[in-house]
Amino acid sequence: MRRGVLAAAASLLVLGGCSGGLQVDTYPTEDGTELDCRSMIADTPQAVGGRAARRVADDVAAAWGDPPIVLRCGVEDPAALTPASRCDMVADVGWFTEEVAGGFLFTTIGRRFNVSVEVPDDYAPEADVLVDVAEVVQKHVPVEQPCV
């Protein structure tokens, strides 16, 4: 359904020239998440999937490696998410998994606000990356409805 999501996002990710950081496209966020997200982004790990953190311009996301693994905070519910959607538990965090062109898009389920992680196919098995971000998600985004 949303096969073009990762490809579209990747096309909007360009190396920042003068900014000294990866330019990440803007994305719709849930109201009231900005401060929590800035705190979470500042606390993300230095390495994910064995790849070093990359500086992201404007602190709107976190990224690692090349091609970049991109974590976004405060994202809206995925369009394909329904009450019957499968919840994949990885390191005690529930994720909604979407296969998209060029990789996977994982979005948290049942937390006060959503976090998404785009993982290119270069990092297969892509879900392994979620282990590295689970601690920061647990620390900064409280569970409201655990996966069942």
C-alpha atoms as a PDB file:
ATOM      1  CA  MET A   1       0.000   0.000   0.000  1.00  0.00           C
ATOM      2  CA  ARG A   2       2.523   2.558   1.108  1.00  0.00           C
ATOM      3  CA  ARG A   3       5.384   1.090  -0.904  1.00  0.00           C
ATOM      4  CA  GLY A   4       6.571   4.524  -1.968  1.00  0.00           C
ATOM      5  CA  VAL A   5       6.901   5.924   1.556  1.00  0.00           C
ATOM      6  CA  LEU A   6      10.528   4.965   2.101  1.00  0.00           C
ATOM      7  CA  ALA A   7      11.505   5.834  -1.456  1.00  0.00           C
ATOM      8  CA  ALA A   8       9.836   9.223  -1.192  1.00  0.00           C
ATOM      9  CA  ALA A   9      11.424   9.917   2.163  1.00  0.00           C
ATOM     10  CA  ALA A  10      14.822   8.822   0.912  1.00  0.00           C
ATOM     11  CA  SER A  11      14.511  11.139  -2.055  1.00  0.00           C
ATOM     12  CA  LEU A  12      13.919  14.014   0.333  1.00  0.00           C
ATOM     13  CA  LEU A  13      16.961  13.169   2.419  1.00  0.00           C
ATOM     14  CA  VAL A  14      19.971  14.999   1.078  1.00  0.00           C
ATOM     15  CA  LEU A  15      23.307  15.774   2.562  1.00  0.00           C
ATOM     16  CA  GLY A  16      23.276  19.278   3.931  1.00  0.00           C
ATOM     17  CA  GLY A  17      25.948  21.492   2.416  1.00  0.00           C
ATOM     18  CA  CYS A  18      26.462  24.445   4.719  1.00  0.00           C
ATOM     19  CA  SER A  19      24.270  23.089   7.488  1.00  0.00           C
ATOM     20  CA  GLY A  20      26.711  20.324   8.359  1.00  0.00           C
ATOM     21  CA  GLY A  21      23.940  17.790   8.803  1.00  0.00           C
ATOM     22  CA  LEU A  22      21.556  15.502   6.997  1.00  0.00           C
ATOM     23  CA  GLN A  23      18.502  17.388   5.777  1.00  0.00           C
ATOM     24  CA  VAL A  24      15.357  15.466   6.723  1.00  0.00           C
ATOM     25  CA  ASP A  25      12.041  16.330   5.142  1.00  0.00           C
ATOM     26  CA  THR A  26       9.389  17.815   7.361  1.00  0.00           C
ATOM     27  CA  TYR A  27       6.596  15.491   8.359  1.00  0.00           C
ATOM     28  CA  PRO A  28       3.233  15.842  10.086  1.00  0.00           C
ATOM     29  CA  THR A  29       3.556  15.561  13.853  1.00  0.00           C
ATOM     30  CA  GLU A  30       1.046  15.137  16.625  1.00  0.00           C
ATOM     31  CA  ASP A  31       0.285  18.293  18.600  1.00  0.00           C
ATOM     32  CA  GLY A  32       2.086  18.580  21.914  1.00  0.00           C
ATOM     33  CA  THR A  33       4.977  16.225  21.126  1.00  0.00           C
ATOM     34  CA  GLU A  34       7.706  18.732  20.221  1.00  0.00           C
ATOM     35  CA  LEU A  35       9.396  19.056  23.632  1.00  0.00           C
ATOM     36  CA  ASP A  36       9.212  15.332  24.388  1.00  0.00           C
ATOM     37  CA  CYS A  37      10.578  14.549  20.942  1.00  0.00           C
ATOM     38  CA  ARG A  38      13.490  16.998  21.204  1.00  0.00           C
ATOM     39  CA  SER A  39      14.421  15.347  24.504  1.00  0.00           C
ATOM     40  CA  MET A  40      14.178  11.891  22.969  1.00  0.00           C
ATOM     41  CA  ILE A  41      16.174  12.816  19.861  1.00  0.00           C
ATOM     42  CA  ALA A  42      18.928  14.287  22.063  1.00  0.00           C
ATOM     43  CA  ASP A  43      19.088  10.976  23.953  1.00  0.00           C
ATOM     44  CA  THR A  44      19.276   8.576  20.986  1.00  0.00           C
ATOM     45  CA  PRO A  45      22.167   6.090  20.852  1.00  0.00           C
ATOM     46  CA  GLN A  46      25.483   6.887  19.178  1.00  0.00           C
ATOM     47  CA  ALA A  47      25.212   3.729  17.067  1.00  0.00           C
ATOM     48  CA  VAL A  48      22.279   1.790  15.625  1.00  0.00           C
ATOM     49  CA  GLY A  49      22.622  -1.380  13.604  1.00  0.00           C
ATOM     50  CA  GLY A  50      26.371  -1.050  13.951  1.00  0.00           C
ATOM     51  CA  ARG A  51      26.276   2.310  12.164  1.00  0.00           C
ATOM     52  CA  ALA A  52      27.433   5.601  13.639  1.00  0.00           C
ATOM     53  CA  ALA A  53      25.056   8.468  14.309  1.00  0.00           C
ATOM     54  CA  ARG A  54      24.827  11.196  11.706  1.00  0.00           C
ATOM     55  CA  ARG A  55      24.185  14.825  12.491  1.00  0.00           C
ATOM     56  CA  VAL A  56      20.702  15.851  11.417  1.00  0.00           C
ATOM     57  CA  ALA A  57      20.010  19.497  10.668  1.00  0.00           C
ATOM     58  CA  ASP A  58      17.434  21.189  12.901  1.00  0.00           C
ATOM     59  CA  ASP A  59      17.114  18.281  15.382  1.00  0.00           C
ATOM     60  CA  VAL A  60      13.921  17.031  13.745  1.00  0.00           C
ATOM     61  CA  ALA A  61      15.003  13.396  13.625  1.00  0.00           C
ATOM     62  CA  ALA A  62      17.911  11.062  14.322  1.00  0.00           C
ATOM     63  CA  ALA A  63      19.877   9.140  11.708  1.00  0.00           C
ATOM     64  CA  TRP A  64      22.603   6.540  11.464  1.00  0.00           C
ATOM     65  CA  GLY A  65      24.661   5.148   8.596  1.00  0.00           C
ATOM     66  CA  ASP A  66      24.609   5.645   4.838  1.00  0.00           C
ATOM     67  CA  PRO A  67      22.046   5.091   3.444  1.00  0.00           C
ATOM     68  CA  PRO A  68      20.480   6.534   6.557  1.00  0.00           C
ATOM     69  CA  ILE A  69      18.377   4.725   9.090  1.00  0.00           C
ATOM     70  CA  VAL A  70      15.991   7.519  10.138  1.00  0.00           C
ATOM     71  CA  LEU A  71      14.061   7.805  13.399  1.00  0.00           C
ATOM     72  CA  ARG A  72      11.235  10.346  13.569  1.00  0.00           C
ATOM     73  CA  CYS A  73       9.306  11.266  16.696  1.00  0.00           C
ATOM     74  CA  GLY A  74       5.700  12.369  17.127  1.00  0.00           C
ATOM     75  CA  VAL A  75       4.560  10.975  13.774  1.00  0.00           C
ATOM     76  CA  GLU A  76       0.910  10.427  12.965  1.00  0.00           C
ATOM     77  CA  ASP A  77      -0.691   6.967  12.940  1.00  0.00           C
ATOM     78  CA  PRO A  78       0.133   5.059   9.744  1.00  0.00           C
ATOM     79  CA  ALA A  79      -2.743   5.044   7.255  1.00  0.00           C
ATOM     80  CA  ALA A  80      -2.650   1.231   7.092  1.00  0.00           C
ATOM     81  CA  LEU A  81      -2.873   0.754  10.884  1.00  0.00           C
ATOM     82  CA  THR A  82      -6.182  -0.753  12.026  1.00  0.00           C
ATOM     83  CA  PRO A  83      -7.364  -2.261  15.327  1.00  0.00           C
ATOM     84  CA  ALA A  84      -6.723  -5.688  13.765  1.00  0.00           C
ATOM     85  CA  SER A  85      -3.140  -4.876  12.693  1.00  0.00           C
ATOM     86  CA  ARG A  86      -0.362  -7.145  13.897  1.00  0.00           C
ATOM     87  CA  CYS A  87       1.888  -5.786  16.627  1.00  0.00           C
ATOM     88  CA  ASP A  88       5.488  -7.003  16.486  1.00  0.00           C
ATOM     89  CA  MET A  89       7.214  -6.954  19.878  1.00  0.00           C
ATOM     90  CA  VAL A  90      10.920  -6.148  19.737  1.00  0.00           C
ATOM     91  CA  ALA A  91      12.782  -5.584  23.002  1.00  0.00           C
ATOM     92  CA  ASP A  92       9.500  -4.850  24.852  1.00  0.00           C
ATOM     93  CA  VAL A  93       8.344  -2.224  22.335  1.00  0.00           C
ATOM     94  CA  GLY A  94       5.363  -2.882  20.048  1.00  0.00           C
ATOM     95  CA  TRP A  95       5.779  -1.968  16.371  1.00  0.00           C
ATOM     96  CA  PHE A  96       3.530  -1.806  13.326  1.00  0.00           C
ATOM     97  CA  THR A  97       5.593  -3.070  10.394  1.00  0.00           C
ATOM     98  CA  GLU A  98       5.168  -1.926   6.802  1.00  0.00           C
ATOM     99  CA  GLU A  99       7.239  -3.186   3.906  1.00  0.00           C
ATOM    100  CA  VAL A 100       7.956  -0.221   1.666  1.00  0.00           C
ATOM    101  CA  ALA A 101      10.045   0.263  -1.453  1.00  0.00           C
ATOM    102  CA  GLY A 102      13.649  -0.204  -0.480  1.00  0.00           C
ATOM    103  CA  GLY A 103      13.105  -1.372   3.094  1.00  0.00           C
ATOM    104  CA  PHE A 104      10.772  -1.257   6.042  1.00  0.00           C
ATOM    105  CA  LEU A 105       8.936   1.403   8.024  1.00  0.00           C
ATOM    106  CA  PHE A 106       8.327   0.558  11.678  1.00  0.00           C
ATOM    107  CA  THR A 107       5.980   2.671  13.822  1.00  0.00           C
ATOM    108  CA  THR A 108       5.384   2.228  17.532  1.00  0.00           C
ATOM    109  CA  ILE A 109       1.970   1.037  18.678  1.00  0.00           C
ATOM    110  CA  GLY A 110       0.206   1.804  21.961  1.00  0.00           C
ATOM    111  CA  ARG A 111       2.449   4.603  23.226  1.00  0.00           C
ATOM    112  CA  ARG A 112       1.556   8.162  24.219  1.00  0.00           C
ATOM    113  CA  PHE A 113       2.897   9.293  20.834  1.00  0.00           C
ATOM    114  CA  ASN A 114       4.362   7.483  17.841  1.00  0.00           C
ATOM    115  CA  VAL A 115       7.972   6.988  16.827  1.00  0.00           C
ATOM    116  CA  SER A 116       8.847   5.686  13.377  1.00  0.00           C
ATOM    117  CA  VAL A 117      12.052   4.124  12.119  1.00  0.00           C
ATOM    118  CA  GLU A 118      12.825   3.802   8.407  1.00  0.00           C
ATOM    119  CA  VAL A 119      15.311   1.029   7.697  1.00  0.00           C
ATOM    120  CA  PRO A 120      16.734   0.505   4.199  1.00  0.00           C
ATOM    121  CA  ASP A 121      17.164  -3.055   2.892  1.00  0.00           C
ATOM    122  CA  ASP A 122      20.941  -2.572   3.264  1.00  0.00           C
ATOM    123  CA  TYR A 123      20.507  -3.390   6.968  1.00  0.00           C
ATOM    124  CA  ALA A 124      18.678  -6.728   6.658  1.00  0.00           C
ATOM    125  CA  PRO A 125      17.293  -8.122   8.844  1.00  0.00           C
ATOM    126  CA  GLU A 126      15.820  -4.655   9.265  1.00  0.00           C
ATOM    127  CA  ALA A 127      13.987  -5.341  12.544  1.00  0.00           C
ATOM    128  CA  ASP A 128      17.344  -5.854  14.308  1.00  0.00           C
ATOM    129  CA  VAL A 129      17.764  -2.068  14.308  1.00  0.00           C
ATOM    130  CA  LEU A 130      14.756  -1.771  16.626  1.00  0.00           C
ATOM    131  CA  VAL A 131      16.656  -3.444  19.459  1.00  0.00           C
ATOM    132  CA  ASP A 132      19.083  -0.501  19.473  1.00  0.00           C
ATOM    133  CA  VAL A 133      16.346   2.155  19.730  1.00  0.00           C
ATOM    134  CA  ALA A 134      14.051   0.304  22.141  1.00  0.00           C
ATOM    135  CA  GLU A 135      15.618   1.724  25.299  1.00  0.00           C
ATOM    136  CA  VAL A 136      15.238   5.357  24.235  1.00  0.00           C
ATOM    137  CA  VAL A 137      11.622   4.712  23.170  1.00  0.00           C
ATOM    138  CA  GLN A 138      10.828   3.084  26.521  1.00  0.00           C
ATOM    139  CA  LYS A 139      12.485   5.919  28.432  1.00  0.00           C
ATOM    140  CA  HIS A 140      10.771   8.795  26.612  1.00  0.00           C
ATOM    141  CA  VAL A 141       7.432   7.452  25.350  1.00  0.00           C
ATOM    142  CA  PRO A 142       5.169   5.882  27.978  1.00  0.00           C
ATOM    143  CA  VAL A 143       2.996   2.882  27.106  1.00  0.00           C
ATOM    144  CA  GLU A 144      -0.738   3.577  27.062  1.00  0.00           C
ATOM    145  CA  GLN A 145      -2.046   0.371  25.471  1.00  0.00           C
ATOM    146  CA  PRO A 146       0.322  -2.614  25.462  1.00  0.00           C
ATOM    147  CA  CYS A 147       0.351  -4.938  22.470  1.00  0.00           C
ATOM    148  CA  VAL A 148      -1.662  -8.091  22.920  1.00  0.00           C
END
